[in-house]
Amino acid sequence: VDELSAYAGARVRERGGVQPTRAMFARLPVWM
C-alpha cells in the first residue's frame, strides 16, 4: 500500500534508473 501510494501520489514519474523491485509499476493497470 505504501509503495502504491507513493507511485500514485507522485506528480512526476521518472523512468530513469529502474530498479528490479520497481518493475511492478510498469505492470499496473492504466486506470491506476
PDB file of all heavy atoms in Angstrom:
ATOM      1  N   VAL A   1       0.843  -1.201   0.000  1.00  0.00           N
ATOM      2  CA  VAL A   1       0.000   0.000   0.000  1.00  0.00           C
ATOM      3  C   VAL A   1       0.878   1.251   0.000  1.00  0.00           C
ATOM      4  O   VAL A   1       0.608   2.209  -0.732  1.00  0.00           O
ATOM      5  CB  VAL A   1      -0.969   0.006   1.209  1.00  0.00           C
ATOM      6  CG1 VAL A   1      -1.677   1.343   1.334  1.00  0.00           C
ATOM      7  CG2 VAL A   1      -1.981  -1.112   1.093  1.00  0.00           C
ATOM      8  N   ASP A   2       1.953   1.240   0.804  1.00  0.00           N
ATOM      9  CA  ASP A   2       2.857   2.396   0.856  1.00  0.00           C
ATOM     10  C   ASP A   2       3.499   2.661  -0.502  1.00  0.00           C
ATOM     11  O   ASP A   2       3.579   3.808  -0.952  1.00  0.00           O
ATOM     12  CB  ASP A   2       3.952   2.177   1.903  1.00  0.00           C
ATOM     13  CG  ASP A   2       3.400   2.156   3.318  1.00  0.00           C
ATOM     14  OD1 ASP A   2       2.297   2.693   3.533  1.00  0.00           O
ATOM     15  OD2 ASP A   2       4.078   1.603   4.203  1.00  0.00           O
ATOM     16  N   GLU A   3       3.965   1.596  -1.159  1.00  0.00           N
ATOM     17  CA  GLU A   3       4.605   1.749  -2.467  1.00  0.00           C
ATOM     18  C   GLU A   3       3.618   2.270  -3.512  1.00  0.00           C
ATOM     19  O   GLU A   3       3.936   3.159  -4.306  1.00  0.00           O
ATOM     20  CB  GLU A   3       5.203   0.424  -2.939  1.00  0.00           C
ATOM     21  CG  GLU A   3       6.359  -0.059  -2.097  1.00  0.00           C
ATOM     22  CD  GLU A   3       7.597   0.794  -2.278  1.00  0.00           C
ATOM     23  OE1 GLU A   3       7.809   1.322  -3.389  1.00  0.00           O
ATOM     24  OE2 GLU A   3       8.351   0.938  -1.308  1.00  0.00           O
ATOM     25  N   LEU A   4       2.413   1.712  -3.506  1.00  0.00           N
ATOM     26  CA  LEU A   4       1.395   2.163  -4.459  1.00  0.00           C
ATOM     27  C   LEU A   4       0.991   3.612  -4.199  1.00  0.00           C
ATOM     28  O   LEU A   4       0.776   4.386  -5.139  1.00  0.00           O
ATOM     29  CB  LEU A   4       0.172   1.251  -4.409  1.00  0.00           C
ATOM     30  CG  LEU A   4       0.364  -0.156  -4.951  1.00  0.00           C
ATOM     31  CD1 LEU A   4      -0.869  -1.013  -4.667  1.00  0.00           C
ATOM     32  CD2 LEU A   4       0.663  -0.134  -6.441  1.00  0.00           C
ATOM     33  N   SER A   5       0.905   3.991  -2.923  1.00  0.00           N
ATOM     34  CA  SER A   5       0.549   5.369  -2.580  1.00  0.00           C
ATOM     35  C   SER A   5       1.618   6.343  -3.058  1.00  0.00           C
ATOM     36  O   SER A   5       1.303   7.413  -3.577  1.00  0.00           O
ATOM     37  CB  SER A   5       0.368   5.516  -1.067  1.00  0.00           C
ATOM     38  OG  SER A   5      -0.731   4.784  -0.621  1.00  0.00           O
ATOM     39  N   ALA A   6       2.879   5.964  -2.865  1.00  0.00           N
ATOM     40  CA  ALA A   6       3.972   6.833  -3.305  1.00  0.00           C
ATOM     41  C   ALA A   6       3.947   6.997  -4.824  1.00  0.00           C
ATOM     42  O   ALA A   6       4.145   8.099  -5.346  1.00  0.00           O
ATOM     43  CB  ALA A   6       5.316   6.260  -2.849  1.00  0.00           C
ATOM     44  N   TYR A   7       3.669   5.912  -5.538  1.00  0.00           N
ATOM     45  CA  TYR A   7       3.626   5.978  -7.002  1.00  0.00           C
ATOM     46  C   TYR A   7       2.423   6.776  -7.490  1.00  0.00           C
ATOM     47  O   TYR A   7       2.543   7.654  -8.347  1.00  0.00           O
ATOM     48  CB  TYR A   7       3.601   4.571  -7.592  1.00  0.00           C
ATOM     49  CG  TYR A   7       3.615   4.564  -9.093  1.00  0.00           C
ATOM     50  CD1 TYR A   7       4.795   4.737  -9.796  1.00  0.00           C
ATOM     51  CD2 TYR A   7       2.442   4.393  -9.819  1.00  0.00           C
ATOM     52  CE1 TYR A   7       4.815   4.743 -11.183  1.00  0.00           C
ATOM     53  CE2 TYR A   7       2.452   4.404 -11.202  1.00  0.00           C
ATOM     54  CZ  TYR A   7       3.639   4.574 -11.870  1.00  0.00           C
ATOM     55  OH  TYR A   7       3.662   4.582 -13.240  1.00  0.00           O
ATOM     56  N   ALA A   8       1.247   6.466  -6.938  1.00  0.00           N
ATOM     57  CA  ALA A   8       0.027   7.140  -7.391  1.00  0.00           C
ATOM     58  C   ALA A   8       0.040   8.621  -7.021  1.00  0.00           C
ATOM     59  O   ALA A   8      -0.495   9.453  -7.751  1.00  0.00           O
ATOM     60  CB  ALA A   8      -1.200   6.464  -6.796  1.00  0.00           C
ATOM     61  N   GLY A   9       0.657   8.961  -5.908  1.00  0.00           N
ATOM     62  CA  GLY A   9       0.680  10.345  -5.456  1.00  0.00           C
ATOM     63  C   GLY A   9       1.753  11.204  -6.097  1.00  0.00           C
ATOM     64  O   GLY A   9       1.743  12.423  -5.939  1.00  0.00           O
ATOM     65  N   ALA A  10       2.677  10.589  -6.815  1.00  0.00           N
ATOM     66  CA  ALA A  10       3.767  11.350  -7.439  1.00  0.00           C
ATOM     67  C   ALA A  10       3.237  12.208  -8.578  1.00  0.00           C
ATOM     68  O   ALA A  10       2.487  11.736  -9.433  1.00  0.00           O
ATOM     69  CB  ALA A  10       4.834  10.392  -7.956  1.00  0.00           C
ATOM     70  N   ARG A  11       3.637  13.459  -8.602  1.00  0.00           N
ATOM     71  CA  ARG A  11       3.224  14.361  -9.674  1.00  0.00           C
ATOM     72  C   ARG A  11       4.055  14.133 -10.930  1.00  0.00           C
ATOM     73  O   ARG A  11       3.579  14.317 -12.037  1.00  0.00           O
ATOM     74  CB  ARG A  11       3.359  15.813  -9.230  1.00  0.00           C
ATOM     75  CG  ARG A  11       2.494  16.157  -8.056  1.00  0.00           C
ATOM     76  CD  ARG A  11       1.063  16.263  -8.473  1.00  0.00           C
ATOM     77  NE  ARG A  11       0.256  16.585  -7.290  1.00  0.00           N
ATOM     78  CZ  ARG A  11      -1.044  16.575  -7.301  1.00  0.00           C
ATOM     79  NH1 ARG A  11      -1.686  16.273  -8.393  1.00  0.00           N
ATOM     80  NH2 ARG A  11      -1.709  16.845  -6.223  1.00  0.00           N
ATOM     81  N   VAL A  12       5.320  13.757 -10.748  1.00  0.00           N
ATOM     82  CA  VAL A  12       6.218  13.486 -11.874  1.00  0.00           C
ATOM     83  C   VAL A  12       6.795  12.089 -11.668  1.00  0.00           C
ATOM     84  O   VAL A  12       7.334  11.784 -10.620  1.00  0.00           O
ATOM     85  CB  VAL A  12       7.367  14.525 -11.941  1.00  0.00           C
ATOM     86  CG1 VAL A  12       8.322  14.173 -13.066  1.00  0.00           C
ATOM     87  CG2 VAL A  12       6.806  15.914 -12.116  1.00  0.00           C
ATOM     88  N   ARG A  13       6.665  11.254 -12.681  1.00  0.00           N
ATOM     89  CA  ARG A  13       7.186   9.882 -12.604  1.00  0.00           C
ATOM     90  C   ARG A  13       8.327   9.751 -13.595  1.00  0.00           C
ATOM     91  O   ARG A  13       8.124   9.801 -14.801  1.00  0.00           O
ATOM     92  CB  ARG A  13       6.082   8.883 -12.929  1.00  0.00           C
ATOM     93  CG  ARG A  13       4.957   8.961 -11.925  1.00  0.00           C
ATOM     94  CD  ARG A  13       3.863   8.002 -12.284  1.00  0.00           C
ATOM     95  NE  ARG A  13       2.736   8.210 -11.387  1.00  0.00           N
ATOM     96  CZ  ARG A  13       1.485   8.095 -11.732  1.00  0.00           C
ATOM     97  NH1 ARG A  13       1.174   7.759 -12.969  1.00  0.00           N
ATOM     98  NH2 ARG A  13       0.528   8.294 -10.861  1.00  0.00           N
ATOM     99  N   GLU A  14       9.517   9.568 -13.069  1.00  0.00           N
ATOM    100  CA  GLU A  14      10.692   9.454 -13.916  1.00  0.00           C
ATOM    101  C   GLU A  14      10.964   8.004 -14.248  1.00  0.00           C
ATOM    102  O   GLU A  14      10.775   7.119 -13.422  1.00  0.00           O
ATOM    103  CB  GLU A  14      11.901  10.070 -13.208  1.00  0.00           C
ATOM    104  CG  GLU A  14      11.711  11.546 -12.948  1.00  0.00           C
ATOM    105  CD  GLU A  14      12.884  12.149 -12.219  1.00  0.00           C
ATOM    106  OE1 GLU A  14      13.878  11.431 -12.011  1.00  0.00           O
ATOM    107  OE2 GLU A  14      12.800  13.332 -11.863  1.00  0.00           O
ATOM    108  N   ARG A  15      11.431   7.755 -15.460  1.00  0.00           N
ATOM    109  CA  ARG A  15      11.690   6.392 -15.908  1.00  0.00           C
ATOM    110  C   ARG A  15      13.130   5.947 -15.718  1.00  0.00           C
ATOM    111  O   ARG A  15      13.432   4.785 -15.753  1.00  0.00           O
ATOM    112  CB  ARG A  15      11.345   6.256 -17.384  1.00  0.00           C
ATOM    113  CG  ARG A  15       9.881   6.376 -17.646  1.00  0.00           C
ATOM    114  CD  ARG A  15       9.625   6.213 -19.116  1.00  0.00           C
ATOM    115  NE  ARG A  15       8.206   6.345 -19.375  1.00  0.00           N
ATOM    116  CZ  ARG A  15       7.521   5.481 -20.093  1.00  0.00           C
ATOM    117  NH1 ARG A  15       8.119   4.475 -20.657  1.00  0.00           N
ATOM    118  NH2 ARG A  15       6.242   5.648 -20.270  1.00  0.00           N
ATOM    119  N   GLY A  16      14.054   6.872 -15.557  1.00  0.00           N
ATOM    120  CA  GLY A  16      15.470   6.535 -15.492  1.00  0.00           C
ATOM    121  C   GLY A  16      15.822   5.722 -14.255  1.00  0.00           C
ATOM    122  O   GLY A  16      15.250   5.877 -13.181  1.00  0.00           O
ATOM    123  N   GLY A  17      16.805   4.813 -14.404  1.00  0.00           N
ATOM    124  CA  GLY A  17      17.307   4.047 -13.266  1.00  0.00           C
ATOM    125  C   GLY A  17      16.293   3.131 -12.627  1.00  0.00           C
ATOM    126  O   GLY A  17      16.173   3.099 -11.413  1.00  0.00           O
ATOM    127  N   VAL A  18      15.567   2.382 -13.418  1.00  0.00           N
ATOM    128  CA  VAL A  18      14.541   1.484 -12.886  1.00  0.00           C
ATOM    129  C   VAL A  18      15.202   0.342 -12.126  1.00  0.00           C
ATOM    130  O   VAL A  18      16.104  -0.310 -12.619  1.00  0.00           O
ATOM    131  CB  VAL A  18      13.656   0.932 -14.024  1.00  0.00           C
ATOM    132  CG1 VAL A  18      12.660  -0.062 -13.490  1.00  0.00           C
ATOM    133  CG2 VAL A  18      12.961   2.063 -14.740  1.00  0.00           C
ATOM    134  N   GLN A  19      14.765   0.139 -10.912  1.00  0.00           N
ATOM    135  CA  GLN A  19      15.267  -0.961 -10.089  1.00  0.00           C
ATOM    136  C   GLN A  19      14.394  -2.183 -10.333  1.00  0.00           C
ATOM    137  O   GLN A  19      13.199  -2.057 -10.624  1.00  0.00           O
ATOM    138  CB  GLN A  19      15.215  -0.580  -8.619  1.00  0.00           C
ATOM    139  CG  GLN A  19      16.068   0.625  -8.288  1.00  0.00           C
ATOM    140  CD  GLN A  19      15.826   1.091  -6.868  1.00  0.00           C
ATOM    141  OE1 GLN A  19      14.918   0.634  -6.199  1.00  0.00           O
ATOM    142  NE2 GLN A  19      16.645   2.019  -6.420  1.00  0.00           N
ATOM    143  N   PRO A  20      14.955  -3.374 -10.178  1.00  0.00           N
ATOM    144  CA  PRO A  20      14.157  -4.589 -10.413  1.00  0.00           C
ATOM    145  C   PRO A  20      12.915  -4.673  -9.534  1.00  0.00           C
ATOM    146  O   PRO A  20      11.887  -5.176  -9.947  1.00  0.00           O
ATOM    147  CB  PRO A  20      15.121  -5.721 -10.083  1.00  0.00           C
ATOM    148  CG  PRO A  20      16.473  -5.136 -10.149  1.00  0.00           C
ATOM    149  CD  PRO A  20      16.335  -3.672  -9.865  1.00  0.00           C
ATOM    150  N   THR A  21      12.982  -4.148  -8.304  1.00  0.00           N
ATOM    151  CA  THR A  21      11.828  -4.217  -7.416  1.00  0.00           C
ATOM    152  C   THR A  21      10.736  -3.239  -7.820  1.00  0.00           C
ATOM    153  O   THR A  21       9.628  -3.330  -7.337  1.00  0.00           O
ATOM    154  CB  THR A  21      12.245  -3.943  -5.966  1.00  0.00           C
ATOM    155  OG1 THR A  21      12.867  -2.665  -5.914  1.00  0.00           O
ATOM    156  CG2 THR A  21      13.178  -5.006  -5.460  1.00  0.00           C
ATOM    157  N   ARG A  22      11.055  -2.300  -8.690  1.00  0.00           N
ATOM    158  CA  ARG A  22      10.080  -1.316  -9.148  1.00  0.00           C
ATOM    159  C   ARG A  22       9.376  -1.769 -10.427  1.00  0.00           C
ATOM    160  O   ARG A  22       8.636  -1.000 -11.019  1.00  0.00           O
ATOM    161  CB  ARG A  22      10.760   0.029  -9.400  1.00  0.00           C
ATOM    162  CG  ARG A  22      11.488   0.568  -8.211  1.00  0.00           C
ATOM    163  CD  ARG A  22      10.536   1.196  -7.273  1.00  0.00           C
ATOM    164  NE  ARG A  22      11.290   1.780  -6.162  1.00  0.00           N
ATOM    165  CZ  ARG A  22      10.726   2.165  -5.069  1.00  0.00           C
ATOM    166  NH1 ARG A  22       9.437   2.054  -4.911  1.00  0.00           N
ATOM    167  NH2 ARG A  22      11.433   2.671  -4.096  1.00  0.00           N
ATOM    168  N   ALA A  23       9.611  -2.983 -10.863  1.00  0.00           N
ATOM    169  CA  ALA A  23       9.025  -3.477 -12.105  1.00  0.00           C
ATOM    170  C   ALA A  23       7.508  -3.579 -12.018  1.00  0.00           C
ATOM    171  O   ALA A  23       6.829  -3.591 -13.031  1.00  0.00           O
ATOM    172  CB  ALA A  23       9.621  -4.830 -12.481  1.00  0.00           C
ATOM    173  N   MET A  24       6.956  -3.628 -10.816  1.00  0.00           N
ATOM    174  CA  MET A  24       5.507  -3.759 -10.677  1.00  0.00           C
ATOM    175  C   MET A  24       4.780  -2.523 -11.208  1.00  0.00           C
ATOM    176  O   MET A  24       3.659  -2.610 -11.667  1.00  0.00           O
ATOM    177  CB  MET A  24       5.114  -4.011  -9.230  1.00  0.00           C
ATOM    178  CG  MET A  24       5.218  -2.845  -8.320  1.00  0.00           C
ATOM    179  SD  MET A  24       4.524  -3.254  -6.720  1.00  0.00           S
ATOM    180  CE  MET A  24       5.105  -1.885  -5.774  1.00  0.00           C
ATOM    181  N   PHE A  25       5.434  -1.362 -11.169  1.00  0.00           N
ATOM    182  CA  PHE A  25       4.764  -0.149 -11.609  1.00  0.00           C
ATOM    183  C   PHE A  25       4.492  -0.157 -13.106  1.00  0.00           C
ATOM    184  O   PHE A  25       3.498   0.390 -13.569  1.00  0.00           O
ATOM    185  CB  PHE A  25       5.570   1.084 -11.213  1.00  0.00           C
ATOM    186  CG  PHE A  25       5.731   1.207  -9.724  1.00  0.00           C
ATOM    187  CD1 PHE A  25       6.980   1.366  -9.166  1.00  0.00           C
ATOM    188  CD2 PHE A  25       4.636   1.147  -8.884  1.00  0.00           C
ATOM    189  CE1 PHE A  25       7.135   1.479  -7.798  1.00  0.00           C
ATOM    190  CE2 PHE A  25       4.777   1.248  -7.520  1.00  0.00           C
ATOM    191  CZ  PHE A  25       6.037   1.413  -6.972  1.00  0.00           C
ATOM    192  N   ALA A  26       5.346  -0.782 -13.869  1.00  0.00           N
ATOM    193  CA  ALA A  26       5.126  -0.880 -15.312  1.00  0.00           C
ATOM    194  C   ALA A  26       3.934  -1.776 -15.617  1.00  0.00           C
ATOM    195  O   ALA A  26       3.306  -1.644 -16.664  1.00  0.00           O
ATOM    196  CB  ALA A  26       6.372  -1.423 -15.997  1.00  0.00           C
ATOM    197  N   ARG A  27       3.603  -2.678 -14.704  1.00  0.00           N
ATOM    198  CA  ARG A  27       2.512  -3.625 -14.923  1.00  0.00           C
ATOM    199  C   ARG A  27       1.178  -3.179 -14.311  1.00  0.00           C
ATOM    200  O   ARG A  27       0.198  -3.911 -14.398  1.00  0.00           O
ATOM    201  CB  ARG A  27       2.908  -4.982 -14.348  1.00  0.00           C
ATOM    202  CG  ARG A  27       4.072  -5.600 -15.067  1.00  0.00           C
ATOM    203  CD  ARG A  27       4.390  -6.968 -14.478  1.00  0.00           C
ATOM    204  NE  ARG A  27       5.487  -7.569 -15.180  1.00  0.00           N
ATOM    205  CZ  ARG A  27       6.736  -7.600 -14.741  1.00  0.00           C
ATOM    206  NH1 ARG A  27       7.048  -7.044 -13.592  1.00  0.00           N
ATOM    207  NH2 ARG A  27       7.682  -8.186 -15.433  1.00  0.00           N
ATOM    208  N   LEU A  28       1.168  -2.041 -13.682  1.00  0.00           N
ATOM    209  CA  LEU A  28      -0.081  -1.560 -13.098  1.00  0.00           C
ATOM    210  C   LEU A  28      -1.099  -1.263 -14.190  1.00  0.00           C
ATOM    211  O   LEU A  28      -0.728  -0.852 -15.292  1.00  0.00           O
ATOM    212  CB  LEU A  28       0.155  -0.290 -12.281  1.00  0.00           C
ATOM    213  CG  LEU A  28       0.872  -0.458 -10.951  1.00  0.00           C
ATOM    214  CD1 LEU A  28       1.115   0.913 -10.331  1.00  0.00           C
ATOM    215  CD2 LEU A  28       0.096  -1.337 -10.009  1.00  0.00           C
ATOM    216  N   PRO A  29      -2.375  -1.452 -13.911  1.00  0.00           N
ATOM    217  CA  PRO A  29      -3.391  -1.137 -14.918  1.00  0.00           C
ATOM    218  C   PRO A  29      -3.419   0.369 -15.219  1.00  0.00           C
ATOM    219  O   PRO A  29      -3.103   1.199 -14.368  1.00  0.00           O
ATOM    220  CB  PRO A  29      -4.697  -1.599 -14.280  1.00  0.00           C
ATOM    221  CG  PRO A  29      -4.414  -1.818 -12.853  1.00  0.00           C
ATOM    222  CD  PRO A  29      -2.954  -1.995 -12.684  1.00  0.00           C
ATOM    223  N   VAL A  30      -3.816   0.704 -16.413  1.00  0.00           N
ATOM    224  CA  VAL A  30      -3.818   2.097 -16.871  1.00  0.00           C
ATOM    225  C   VAL A  30      -4.709   2.966 -15.992  1.00  0.00           C
ATOM    226  O   VAL A  30      -4.368   4.116 -15.703  1.00  0.00           O
ATOM    227  CB  VAL A  30      -4.256   2.163 -18.353  1.00  0.00           C
ATOM    228  CG1 VAL A  30      -4.396   3.593 -18.813  1.00  0.00           C
ATOM    229  CG2 VAL A  30      -3.261   1.422 -19.213  1.00  0.00           C
ATOM    230  N   TRP A  31      -5.832   2.443 -15.542  1.00  0.00           N
ATOM    231  CA  TRP A  31      -6.745   3.260 -14.743  1.00  0.00           C
ATOM    232  C   TRP A  31      -6.095   3.723 -13.440  1.00  0.00           C
ATOM    233  O   TRP A  31      -6.444   4.780 -12.920  1.00  0.00           O
ATOM    234  CB  TRP A  31      -8.058   2.528 -14.470  1.00  0.00           C
ATOM    235  CG  TRP A  31      -7.953   1.300 -13.616  1.00  0.00           C
ATOM    236  CD1 TRP A  31      -7.789   0.014 -14.058  1.00  0.00           C
ATOM    237  CD2 TRP A  31      -8.022   1.224 -12.197  1.00  0.00           C
ATOM    238  NE1 TRP A  31      -7.736  -0.847 -12.994  1.00  0.00           N
ATOM    239  CE2 TRP A  31      -7.881  -0.127 -11.836  1.00  0.00           C
ATOM    240  CE3 TRP A  31      -8.178   2.165 -11.183  1.00  0.00           C
ATOM    241  CZ2 TRP A  31      -7.891  -0.566 -10.523  1.00  0.00           C
ATOM    242  CZ3 TRP A  31      -8.193   1.731  -9.867  1.00  0.00           C
ATOM    243  CH2 TRP A  31      -8.060   0.381  -9.551  1.00  0.00           C
ATOM    244  N   MET A  32      -5.141   2.969 -12.904  1.00  0.00           N
ATOM    245  CA  MET A  32      -4.451   3.386 -11.686  1.00  0.00           C
ATOM    246  C   MET A  32      -3.415   4.474 -11.973  1.00  0.00           C
ATOM    247  O   MET A  32      -3.082   5.261 -11.099  1.00  0.00           O
ATOM    248  CB  MET A  32      -3.743   2.204 -11.023  1.00  0.00           C
ATOM    249  CG  MET A  32      -4.666   1.274 -10.297  1.00  0.00           C
ATOM    250  SD  MET A  32      -3.772  -0.036  -9.460  1.00  0.00           S
ATOM    251  CE  MET A  32      -3.033   0.868  -8.125  1.00  0.00           C
TER     252      MET A  32
END
